[in-house]
């Protein structure tokens, strides 16, 4: 059973700034995450992003959290790895 995905307004703005091909790659990876979430080990972040997790998509990162009880993945930020952790 897969998880549902929600994007915050900030994540939607981040996504719109990307090229169409990058948006498609990230969208495919997010869909993969939702369908396979129970088989992976989320990659936790630390410091100012403690409590969040990252999804790697080439040079881009998707910052998310999840709720196991509700089976929801919430996407907070999407961006290039050199900018996403600022």
PDB file of N, CA and C in Angstrom:
ATOM      1  N   UNK A   1       0.847  -1.183   0.000  1.00  0.00           N
ATOM      2  CA  UNK A   1       0.000   0.000   0.000  1.00  0.00           C
ATOM      3  C   UNK A   1       0.889   1.242   0.000  1.00  0.00           C
ATOM      4  N   UNK A   2       0.622   2.173  -0.893  1.00  0.00           N
ATOM      5  CA  UNK A   2       1.499   3.329  -1.026  1.00  0.00           C
ATOM      6  C   UNK A   2       1.058   4.482  -0.127  1.00  0.00           C
ATOM      7  N   UNK A   3       1.961   5.417   0.033  1.00  0.00           N
ATOM      8  CA  UNK A   3       1.707   6.630   0.794  1.00  0.00           C
ATOM      9  C   UNK A   3       1.148   7.691  -0.150  1.00  0.00           C
ATOM     10  N   UNK A   4       0.423   8.653   0.405  1.00  0.00           N
ATOM     11  CA  UNK A   4       0.016   9.805  -0.397  1.00  0.00           C
ATOM     12  C   UNK A   4       1.072  10.895  -0.213  1.00  0.00           C
ATOM     13  N   UNK A   5       1.111  11.838  -1.144  1.00  0.00           N
ATOM     14  CA  UNK A   5       2.128  12.890  -1.132  1.00  0.00           C
ATOM     15  C   UNK A   5       1.441  14.247  -1.123  1.00  0.00           C
ATOM     16  N   UNK A   6       1.925  15.132  -0.257  1.00  0.00           N
ATOM     17  CA  UNK A   6       1.455  16.518  -0.208  1.00  0.00           C
ATOM     18  C   UNK A   6       2.658  17.426  -0.403  1.00  0.00           C
ATOM     19  N   UNK A   7       2.496  18.475  -1.184  1.00  0.00           N
ATOM     20  CA  UNK A   7       3.540  19.473  -1.366  1.00  0.00           C
ATOM     21  C   UNK A   7       3.111  20.764  -0.688  1.00  0.00           C
ATOM     22  N   UNK A   8       4.015  21.367   0.073  1.00  0.00           N
ATOM     23  CA  UNK A   8       3.731  22.654   0.692  1.00  0.00           C
ATOM     24  C   UNK A   8       3.765  23.729  -0.391  1.00  0.00           C
ATOM     25  N   UNK A   9       3.193  24.903  -0.121  1.00  0.00           N
ATOM     26  CA  UNK A   9       3.269  25.995  -1.100  1.00  0.00           C
ATOM     27  C   UNK A   9       4.713  26.329  -1.489  1.00  0.00           C
ATOM     28  N   UNK A  10       5.631  26.285  -0.524  1.00  0.00           N
ATOM     29  CA  UNK A  10       7.042  26.557  -0.822  1.00  0.00           C
ATOM     30  C   UNK A  10       7.610  25.517  -1.783  1.00  0.00           C
ATOM     31  N   UNK A  11       7.273  24.264  -1.581  1.00  0.00           N
ATOM     32  CA  UNK A  11       7.759  23.208  -2.473  1.00  0.00           C
ATOM     33  C   UNK A  11       7.207  23.391  -3.883  1.00  0.00           C
ATOM     34  N   UNK A  12       5.955  23.813  -3.999  1.00  0.00           N
ATOM     35  CA  UNK A  12       5.372  24.062  -5.319  1.00  0.00           C
ATOM     36  C   UNK A  12       6.099  25.189  -6.038  1.00  0.00           C
ATOM     37  N   UNK A  13       6.440  26.260  -5.303  1.00  0.00           N
ATOM     38  CA  UNK A  13       7.194  27.374  -5.894  1.00  0.00           C
ATOM     39  C   UNK A  13       8.574  26.890  -6.319  1.00  0.00           C
ATOM     40  N   UNK A  14       9.239  26.113  -5.455  1.00  0.00           N
ATOM     41  CA  UNK A  14      10.554  25.552  -5.792  1.00  0.00           C
ATOM     42  C   UNK A  14      10.476  24.742  -7.073  1.00  0.00           C
ATOM     43  N   UNK A  15       9.455  23.910  -7.186  1.00  0.00           N
ATOM     44  CA  UNK A  15       9.308  23.027  -8.333  1.00  0.00           C
ATOM     45  C   UNK A  15       9.091  23.817  -9.622  1.00  0.00           C
ATOM     46  N   UNK A  16       8.301  24.875  -9.560  1.00  0.00           N
ATOM     47  CA  UNK A  16       8.007  25.674 -10.746  1.00  0.00           C
ATOM     48  C   UNK A  16       9.243  26.368 -11.307  1.00  0.00           C
ATOM     49  N   UNK A  17      10.256  26.589 -10.479  1.00  0.00           N
ATOM     50  CA  UNK A  17      11.482  27.261 -10.918  1.00  0.00           C
ATOM     51  C   UNK A  17      12.414  26.330 -11.690  1.00  0.00           C
ATOM     52  N   UNK A  18      12.156  25.043 -11.657  1.00  0.00           N
ATOM     53  CA  UNK A  18      13.030  24.061 -12.298  1.00  0.00           C
ATOM     54  C   UNK A  18      12.631  23.849 -13.751  1.00  0.00           C
ATOM     55  N   UNK A  19      13.573  23.342 -14.538  1.00  0.00           N
ATOM     56  CA  UNK A  19      13.261  23.032 -15.930  1.00  0.00           C
ATOM     57  C   UNK A  19      12.266  21.880 -15.986  1.00  0.00           C
ATOM     58  N   UNK A  20      11.604  21.767 -17.111  1.00  0.00           N
ATOM     59  CA  UNK A  20      10.584  20.728 -17.285  1.00  0.00           C
ATOM     60  C   UNK A  20      11.169  19.329 -17.093  1.00  0.00           C
ATOM     61  N   UNK A  21      12.370  19.096 -17.635  1.00  0.00           N
ATOM     62  CA  UNK A  21      12.964  17.757 -17.523  1.00  0.00           C
ATOM     63  C   UNK A  21      13.326  17.426 -16.080  1.00  0.00           C
ATOM     64  N   UNK A  22      13.824  18.409 -15.336  1.00  0.00           N
ATOM     65  CA  UNK A  22      14.160  18.181 -13.924  1.00  0.00           C
ATOM     66  C   UNK A  22      12.880  17.964 -13.121  1.00  0.00           C
ATOM     67  N   UNK A  23      11.840  18.733 -13.418  1.00  0.00           N
ATOM     68  CA  UNK A  23      10.556  18.537 -12.738  1.00  0.00           C
ATOM     69  C   UNK A  23      10.045  17.117 -12.948  1.00  0.00           C
ATOM     70  N   UNK A  24      10.184  16.619 -14.161  1.00  0.00           N
ATOM     71  CA  UNK A  24       9.703  15.266 -14.459  1.00  0.00           C
ATOM     72  C   UNK A  24      10.511  14.215 -13.703  1.00  0.00           C
ATOM     73  N   UNK A  25      11.848  14.376 -13.672  1.00  0.00           N
ATOM     74  CA  UNK A  25      12.693  13.426 -12.937  1.00  0.00           C
ATOM     75  C   UNK A  25      12.337  13.414 -11.461  1.00  0.00           C
ATOM     76  N   UNK A  26      12.163  14.603 -10.885  1.00  0.00           N
ATOM     77  CA  UNK A  26      11.834  14.700  -9.464  1.00  0.00           C
ATOM     78  C   UNK A  26      10.444  14.123  -9.200  1.00  0.00           C
ATOM     79  N   UNK A  27       9.497  14.421 -10.072  1.00  0.00           N
ATOM     80  CA  UNK A  27       8.146  13.869  -9.923  1.00  0.00           C
ATOM     81  C   UNK A  27       8.145  12.355  -9.962  1.00  0.00           C
ATOM     82  N   UNK A  28       8.924  11.789 -10.889  1.00  0.00           N
ATOM     83  CA  UNK A  28       9.023  10.328 -10.977  1.00  0.00           C
ATOM     84  C   UNK A  28       9.617   9.741  -9.703  1.00  0.00           C
ATOM     85  N   UNK A  29      10.636  10.405  -9.156  1.00  0.00           N
ATOM     86  CA  UNK A  29      11.288   9.901  -7.943  1.00  0.00           C
ATOM     87  C   UNK A  29      10.361  10.019  -6.727  1.00  0.00           C
ATOM     88  N   UNK A  30       9.584  11.101  -6.662  1.00  0.00           N
ATOM     89  CA  UNK A  30       8.622  11.254  -5.566  1.00  0.00           C
ATOM     90  C   UNK A  30       7.553  10.166  -5.653  1.00  0.00           C
ATOM     91  N   UNK A  31       7.081   9.884  -6.854  1.00  0.00           N
ATOM     92  CA  UNK A  31       6.103   8.798  -7.032  1.00  0.00           C
ATOM     93  C   UNK A  31       6.697   7.458  -6.614  1.00  0.00           C
ATOM     94  N   UNK A  32       7.955   7.231  -6.979  1.00  0.00           N
ATOM     95  CA  UNK A  32       8.645   6.000  -6.577  1.00  0.00           C
ATOM     96  C   UNK A  32       8.718   5.916  -5.050  1.00  0.00           C
ATOM     97  N   UNK A  33       9.065   7.042  -4.408  1.00  0.00           N
ATOM     98  CA  UNK A  33       9.153   7.083  -2.948  1.00  0.00           C
ATOM     99  C   UNK A  33       7.815   6.708  -2.315  1.00  0.00           C
ATOM    100  N   UNK A  34       6.735   7.274  -2.822  1.00  0.00           N
ATOM    101  CA  UNK A  34       5.406   7.001  -2.264  1.00  0.00           C
ATOM    102  C   UNK A  34       5.029   5.529  -2.406  1.00  0.00           C
ATOM    103  N   UNK A  35       5.395   4.923  -3.523  1.00  0.00           N
ATOM    104  CA  UNK A  35       5.035   3.525  -3.767  1.00  0.00           C
ATOM    105  C   UNK A  35       5.928   2.531  -3.034  1.00  0.00           C
ATOM    106  N   UNK A  36       7.160   2.932  -2.735  1.00  0.00           N
ATOM    107  CA  UNK A  36       8.137   2.013  -2.143  1.00  0.00           C
ATOM    108  C   UNK A  36       8.586   2.420  -0.744  1.00  0.00           C
ATOM    109  N   UNK A  37       7.851   3.320  -0.097  1.00  0.00           N
ATOM    110  CA  UNK A  37       8.317   3.894   1.161  1.00  0.00           C
ATOM    111  C   UNK A  37       8.586   2.851   2.236  1.00  0.00           C
ATOM    112  N   UNK A  38       7.804   1.810   2.274  1.00  0.00           N
ATOM    113  CA  UNK A  38       7.977   0.798   3.321  1.00  0.00           C
ATOM    114  C   UNK A  38       9.228  -0.046   3.116  1.00  0.00           C
ATOM    115  N   UNK A  39       9.812  -0.037   1.931  1.00  0.00           N
ATOM    116  CA  UNK A  39      11.000  -0.840   1.652  1.00  0.00           C
ATOM    117  C   UNK A  39      12.305  -0.056   1.779  1.00  0.00           C
ATOM    118  N   UNK A  40      12.234   1.246   2.036  1.00  0.00           N
ATOM    119  CA  UNK A  40      13.454   2.049   2.108  1.00  0.00           C
ATOM    120  C   UNK A  40      13.732   2.471   3.542  1.00  0.00           C
ATOM    121  N   UNK A  41      14.937   2.972   3.758  1.00  0.00           N
ATOM    122  CA  UNK A  41      15.303   3.589   5.026  1.00  0.00           C
ATOM    123  C   UNK A  41      15.471   5.075   4.761  1.00  0.00           C
ATOM    124  N   UNK A  42      14.586   5.927   5.289  1.00  0.00           N
ATOM    125  CA  UNK A  42      14.694   7.363   5.044  1.00  0.00           C
ATOM    126  C   UNK A  42      16.045   7.905   5.507  1.00  0.00           C
ATOM    127  N   UNK A  43      16.583   8.874   4.755  1.00  0.00           N
ATOM    128  CA  UNK A  43      17.881   9.468   5.064  1.00  0.00           C
ATOM    129  C   UNK A  43      17.656  10.731   5.895  1.00  0.00           C
ATOM    130  N   UNK A  44      17.882  10.657   7.229  1.00  0.00           N
ATOM    131  CA  UNK A  44      17.597  11.800   8.096  1.00  0.00           C
ATOM    132  C   UNK A  44      18.604  12.930   7.921  1.00  0.00           C
ATOM    133  N   UNK A  45      18.130  14.139   8.176  1.00  0.00           N
ATOM    134  CA  UNK A  45      18.978  15.320   8.149  1.00  0.00           C
ATOM    135  C   UNK A  45      19.272  15.737   9.580  1.00  0.00           C
ATOM    136  N   UNK A  46      20.229  16.647   9.742  1.00  0.00           N
ATOM    137  CA  UNK A  46      20.605  17.096  11.080  1.00  0.00           C
ATOM    138  C   UNK A  46      20.663  18.618  11.115  1.00  0.00           C
ATOM    139  N   UNK A  47      21.146  19.143  12.216  1.00  0.00           N
ATOM    140  CA  UNK A  47      21.296  20.583  12.443  1.00  0.00           C
ATOM    141  C   UNK A  47      19.945  21.284  12.291  1.00  0.00           C
ATOM    142  N   UNK A  48      19.893  22.336  11.465  1.00  0.00           N
ATOM    143  CA  UNK A  48      18.653  23.111  11.351  1.00  0.00           C
ATOM    144  C   UNK A  48      17.536  22.360  10.625  1.00  0.00           C
ATOM    145  N   UNK A  49      17.841  21.222  10.016  1.00  0.00           N
ATOM    146  CA  UNK A  49      16.824  20.420   9.328  1.00  0.00           C
ATOM    147  C   UNK A  49      16.545  19.097  10.054  1.00  0.00           C
ATOM    148  N   UNK A  50      16.895  19.037  11.324  1.00  0.00           N
ATOM    149  CA  UNK A  50      16.621  17.826  12.110  1.00  0.00           C
ATOM    150  C   UNK A  50      15.121  17.564  12.109  1.00  0.00           C
ATOM    151  N   UNK A  51      14.752  16.304  11.971  1.00  0.00           N
ATOM    152  CA  UNK A  51      13.351  15.929  11.902  1.00  0.00           C
ATOM    153  C   UNK A  51      12.842  15.786  10.480  1.00  0.00           C
ATOM    154  N   UNK A  52      13.685  16.184   9.517  1.00  0.00           N
ATOM    155  CA  UNK A  52      13.337  16.053   8.104  1.00  0.00           C
ATOM    156  C   UNK A  52      14.237  15.009   7.458  1.00  0.00           C
ATOM    157  N   UNK A  53      13.873  14.624   6.247  1.00  0.00           N
ATOM    158  CA  UNK A  53      14.603  13.599   5.514  1.00  0.00           C
ATOM    159  C   UNK A  53      14.872  14.096   4.105  1.00  0.00           C
ATOM    160  N   UNK A  54      15.867  13.480   3.439  1.00  0.00           N
ATOM    161  CA  UNK A  54      16.186  13.910   2.079  1.00  0.00           C
ATOM    162  C   UNK A  54      16.006  12.766   1.097  1.00  0.00           C
ATOM    163  N   UNK A  55      15.633  13.157  -0.102  1.00  0.00           N
ATOM    164  CA  UNK A  55      15.537  12.247  -1.230  1.00  0.00           C
ATOM    165  C   UNK A  55      16.471  12.797  -2.293  1.00  0.00           C
ATOM    166  N   UNK A  56      17.424  11.997  -2.730  1.00  0.00           N
ATOM    167  CA  UNK A  56      18.387  12.431  -3.737  1.00  0.00           C
ATOM    168  C   UNK A  56      17.851  12.144  -5.128  1.00  0.00           C
ATOM    169  N   UNK A  57      17.933  13.168  -5.989  1.00  0.00           N
ATOM    170  CA  UNK A  57      17.549  13.037  -7.394  1.00  0.00           C
ATOM    171  C   UNK A  57      18.655  13.718  -8.191  1.00  0.00           C
ATOM    172  N   UNK A  58      19.730  12.983  -8.469  1.00  0.00           N
ATOM    173  CA  UNK A  58      20.887  13.584  -9.133  1.00  0.00           C
ATOM    174  C   UNK A  58      21.481  14.653  -8.235  1.00  0.00           C
ATOM    175  N   UNK A  59      21.633  15.877  -8.779  1.00  0.00           N
ATOM    176  CA  UNK A  59      22.166  16.996  -8.001  1.00  0.00           C
ATOM    177  C   UNK A  59      21.084  17.736  -7.225  1.00  0.00           C
ATOM    178  N   UNK A  60      19.870  17.256  -7.273  1.00  0.00           N
ATOM    179  CA  UNK A  60      18.753  17.905  -6.597  1.00  0.00           C
ATOM    180  C   UNK A  60      18.355  17.117  -5.357  1.00  0.00           C
ATOM    181  N   UNK A  61      17.753  17.836  -4.410  1.00  0.00           N
ATOM    182  CA  UNK A  61      17.297  17.213  -3.180  1.00  0.00           C
ATOM    183  C   UNK A  61      15.841  17.579  -2.924  1.00  0.00           C
ATOM    184  N   UNK A  62      15.127  16.630  -2.360  1.00  0.00           N
ATOM    185  CA  UNK A  62      13.748  16.833  -1.931  1.00  0.00           C
ATOM    186  C   UNK A  62      13.749  16.658  -0.417  1.00  0.00           C
ATOM    187  N   UNK A  63      13.332  17.689   0.301  1.00  0.00           N
ATOM    188  CA  UNK A  63      13.285  17.649   1.762  1.00  0.00           C
ATOM    189  C   UNK A  63      11.845  17.328   2.170  1.00  0.00           C
ATOM    190  N   UNK A  64      11.684  16.291   2.986  1.00  0.00           N
ATOM    191  CA  UNK A  64      10.335  15.834   3.327  1.00  0.00           C
ATOM    192  C   UNK A  64      10.263  15.323   4.755  1.00  0.00           C
ATOM    193  N   UNK A  65       9.037  15.151   5.213  1.00  0.00           N
ATOM    194  CA  UNK A  65       8.757  14.440   6.460  1.00  0.00           C
ATOM    195  C   UNK A  65       7.645  13.447   6.143  1.00  0.00           C
ATOM    196  N   UNK A  66       7.357  12.580   7.093  1.00  0.00           N
ATOM    197  CA  UNK A  66       6.297  11.603   6.845  1.00  0.00           C
ATOM    198  C   UNK A  66       5.553  11.292   8.132  1.00  0.00           C
ATOM    199  N   UNK A  67       4.323  10.848   7.956  1.00  0.00           N
ATOM    200  CA  UNK A  67       3.483  10.429   9.069  1.00  0.00           C
ATOM    201  C   UNK A  67       3.063   8.994   8.787  1.00  0.00           C
ATOM    202  N   UNK A  68       3.617   8.066   9.553  1.00  0.00           N
ATOM    203  CA  UNK A  68       3.324   6.645   9.321  1.00  0.00           C
ATOM    204  C   UNK A  68       1.865   6.300   9.595  1.00  0.00           C
ATOM    205  N   UNK A  69       1.277   6.935  10.606  1.00  0.00           N
ATOM    206  CA  UNK A  69      -0.114   6.628  10.952  1.00  0.00           C
ATOM    207  C   UNK A  69      -1.075   7.035   9.840  1.00  0.00           C
ATOM    208  N   UNK A  70      -0.857   8.222   9.273  1.00  0.00           N
ATOM    209  CA  UNK A  70      -1.726   8.720   8.203  1.00  0.00           C
ATOM    210  C   UNK A  70      -1.252   8.288   6.813  1.00  0.00           C
ATOM    211  N   UNK A  71      -0.041   7.726   6.750  1.00  0.00           N
ATOM    212  CA  UNK A  71       0.553   7.286   5.482  1.00  0.00           C
ATOM    213  C   UNK A  71       0.670   8.445   4.493  1.00  0.00           C
ATOM    214  N   UNK A  72       1.259   9.554   5.003  1.00  0.00           N
ATOM    215  CA  UNK A  72       1.410  10.766   4.200  1.00  0.00           C
ATOM    216  C   UNK A  72       2.869  11.201   4.208  1.00  0.00           C
ATOM    217  N   UNK A  73       3.386  11.535   3.033  1.00  0.00           N
ATOM    218  CA  UNK A  73       4.704  12.141   2.881  1.00  0.00           C
ATOM    219  C   UNK A  73       4.461  13.603   2.526  1.00  0.00           C
ATOM    220  N   UNK A  74       5.052  14.520   3.295  1.00  0.00           N
ATOM    221  CA  UNK A  74       4.904  15.950   3.034  1.00  0.00           C
ATOM    222  C   UNK A  74       6.226  16.493   2.509  1.00  0.00           C
ATOM    223  N   UNK A  75       6.194  17.061   1.309  1.00  0.00           N
ATOM    224  CA  UNK A  75       7.373  17.642   0.674  1.00  0.00           C
ATOM    225  C   UNK A  75       7.441  19.110   1.079  1.00  0.00           C
ATOM    226  N   UNK A  76       8.589  19.534   1.648  1.00  0.00           N
ATOM    227  CA  UNK A  76       8.746  20.904   2.120  1.00  0.00           C
ATOM    228  C   UNK A  76       9.579  21.763   1.183  1.00  0.00           C
ATOM    229  N   UNK A  77      10.637  21.197   0.622  1.00  0.00           N
ATOM    230  CA  UNK A  77      11.511  21.964  -0.261  1.00  0.00           C
ATOM    231  C   UNK A  77      12.038  21.072  -1.367  1.00  0.00           C
ATOM    232  N   UNK A  78      12.280  21.696  -2.519  1.00  0.00           N
ATOM    233  CA  UNK A  78      12.896  21.021  -3.653  1.00  0.00           C
ATOM    234  C   UNK A  78      13.925  21.984  -4.211  1.00  0.00           C
ATOM    235  N   UNK A  79      15.160  21.522  -4.408  1.00  0.00           N
ATOM    236  CA  UNK A  79      16.166  22.418  -4.965  1.00  0.00           C
ATOM    237  C   UNK A  79      17.492  21.740  -5.196  1.00  0.00           C
ATOM    238  N   UNK A  80      18.410  22.521  -5.782  1.00  0.00           N
ATOM    239  CA  UNK A  80      19.758  22.024  -6.047  1.00  0.00           C
ATOM    240  C   UNK A  80      20.481  21.827  -4.724  1.00  0.00           C
ATOM    241  N   UNK A  81      21.336  20.838  -4.664  1.00  0.00           N
ATOM    242  CA  UNK A  81      21.988  20.491  -3.394  1.00  0.00           C
ATOM    243  C   UNK A  81      22.856  21.611  -2.847  1.00  0.00           C
ATOM    244  N   UNK A  82      23.392  22.489  -3.705  1.00  0.00           N
ATOM    245  CA  UNK A  82      24.243  23.571  -3.197  1.00  0.00           C
ATOM    246  C   UNK A  82      23.422  24.676  -2.537  1.00  0.00           C
ATOM    247  N   UNK A  83      22.105  24.695  -2.790  1.00  0.00           N
ATOM    248  CA  UNK A  83      21.249  25.755  -2.251  1.00  0.00           C
ATOM    249  C   UNK A  83      20.252  25.265  -1.202  1.00  0.00           C
ATOM    250  N   UNK A  84      19.926  24.007  -1.222  1.00  0.00           N
ATOM    251  CA  UNK A  84      18.805  23.500  -0.425  1.00  0.00           C
ATOM    252  C   UNK A  84      19.077  23.526   1.082  1.00  0.00           C
ATOM    253  N   UNK A  85      20.332  23.431   1.486  1.00  0.00           N
ATOM    254  CA  UNK A  85      20.643  23.337   2.913  1.00  0.00           C
ATOM    255  C   UNK A  85      20.929  24.687   3.559  1.00  0.00           C
ATOM    256  N   UNK A  86      20.821  25.779   2.799  1.00  0.00           N
ATOM    257  CA  UNK A  86      21.089  27.125   3.345  1.00  0.00           C
ATOM    258  C   UNK A  86      20.015  27.566   4.304  1.00  0.00           C
TER     259      UNK A  86
END
